[in-house]
Protein backbone atom coordinates (compact mmCIF):
# COMPACT_ATOMS: atom_id res chain seq x y z
CA MET A 1 10.51 -11.61 -2.59
CA LYS A 2 13.93 -10.52 -1.43
CA GLU A 3 14.49 -11.08 2.33
CA LYS A 4 15.08 -8.02 4.44
CA PHE A 5 17.99 -8.13 7.23
CA ASN A 6 17.54 -4.56 8.58
CA ASP A 7 16.41 -5.79 11.96
CA LEU A 8 18.18 -8.32 14.04
CA PRO A 9 16.79 -11.20 15.71
CA GLY A 10 16.88 -11.80 19.18
CA SER A 11 18.64 -9.62 21.81
CA VAL A 12 22.30 -9.17 20.74
CA THR A 13 23.19 -5.76 20.10
CA ARG A 14 24.70 -3.97 17.03
CA GLU A 15 27.67 -2.91 19.45
CA THR A 16 28.31 -6.56 20.26
CA LEU A 17 28.30 -7.81 16.48
CA ASN A 18 30.25 -4.89 15.54
CA ALA A 19 33.07 -5.86 18.28
CA ILE A 20 33.06 -9.59 16.92
CA ALA A 21 33.26 -8.31 13.40
CA ASP A 22 36.23 -6.26 13.96
CA CYS A 23 38.08 -8.83 15.93
CA GLU A 24 37.28 -11.55 13.42
CA SER A 25 37.84 -9.69 10.03
CA GLY A 26 38.46 -5.98 10.80
CA GLY A 27 34.91 -5.74 9.77
CA ASP A 28 35.45 -6.64 6.22
CA PRO A 29 32.16 -8.50 4.88
CA LYS A 30 34.08 -9.81 1.65
CA ILE A 31 37.27 -11.30 3.65
CA VAL A 32 38.41 -15.14 3.20
CA SER A 33 40.98 -16.66 5.66
CA SER A 34 44.15 -17.50 4.33
CA ASP A 35 43.27 -21.16 4.45
CA GLY A 36 40.25 -20.69 2.77
CA LEU A 37 37.93 -22.32 5.35
CA TYR A 38 36.60 -18.95 7.02
CA HIS A 39 34.33 -16.41 5.09
CA GLY A 40 33.00 -12.84 5.63
CA LYS A 41 32.62 -10.24 8.56
CA TYR A 42 32.30 -12.93 11.10
CA GLN A 43 34.39 -15.66 9.37
CA PHE A 44 31.59 -18.35 8.94
CA HIS A 45 32.60 -21.76 7.88
CA PRO A 46 30.41 -22.26 5.07
CA ASP A 47 28.61 -25.34 7.01
CA THR A 48 27.66 -23.05 10.02
CA TRP A 49 26.54 -20.50 7.59
CA GLU A 50 24.17 -22.78 5.75
CA SER A 51 22.82 -24.21 9.06
CA ILE A 52 21.67 -20.63 9.78
CA GLY A 53 19.83 -20.18 6.49
CA GLY A 54 22.64 -18.63 4.36
CA LYS A 55 22.89 -19.79 0.59
CA GLY A 56 26.22 -19.68 -1.07
CA LEU A 57 29.52 -18.35 0.45
CA PRO A 58 29.35 -15.97 3.35
CA SER A 59 31.78 -13.61 1.70
CA GLU A 60 29.45 -13.27 -1.31
CA ALA A 61 26.56 -12.20 0.88
CA PRO A 62 25.49 -8.76 1.66
CA GLU A 63 26.96 -7.54 4.68
CA ALA A 64 23.48 -6.61 6.12
CA GLU A 65 22.74 -10.32 5.59
CA GLN A 66 26.00 -11.53 7.45
CA ASP A 67 25.06 -9.17 10.40
CA TYR A 68 21.36 -10.89 10.55
CA ARG A 69 22.75 -14.54 10.08
CA ALA A 70 25.46 -13.56 12.76
CA ALA A 71 22.78 -12.37 15.15
CA LEU A 72 20.95 -15.73 14.67
CA LEU A 73 23.83 -17.75 15.27
CA TYR A 74 24.40 -15.59 18.50
CA GLU A 75 21.09 -16.25 19.86
CA ARG A 76 21.17 -20.04 18.96
CA SER A 77 24.56 -20.74 20.11
CA GLY A 78 25.83 -17.98 22.27
CA PRO A 79 29.27 -16.09 21.93
CA GLY A 80 31.14 -19.24 22.04
CA GLN A 81 30.71 -19.78 18.21
CA TRP A 82 33.67 -16.92 18.33
CA PRO A 83 35.94 -18.47 20.81
CA VAL A 84 38.50 -15.64 20.65
CA CYS A 85 36.31 -12.58 19.46
CA GLY A 86 33.10 -13.69 21.36
CA GLN A 87 34.45 -13.26 24.57
């Protein structure tokens, strides 16, 4: 059964997530940082991605899954996960 990622967990709003994504990556779910360490719309490190249930590379995951997992991370650890863009 395929997971559904349309409903965001926790209380973070799509508006907040969109602001973080716009700052981190210009909202591009396929982007990879120039040093290859950060992936996707929210510039996840692969270890962080795995810690919130992601498989493979974040930049290869569907955008809806990236949104869902960013909301999980936000709820778990707050906006400090994005030290510049989360403020």
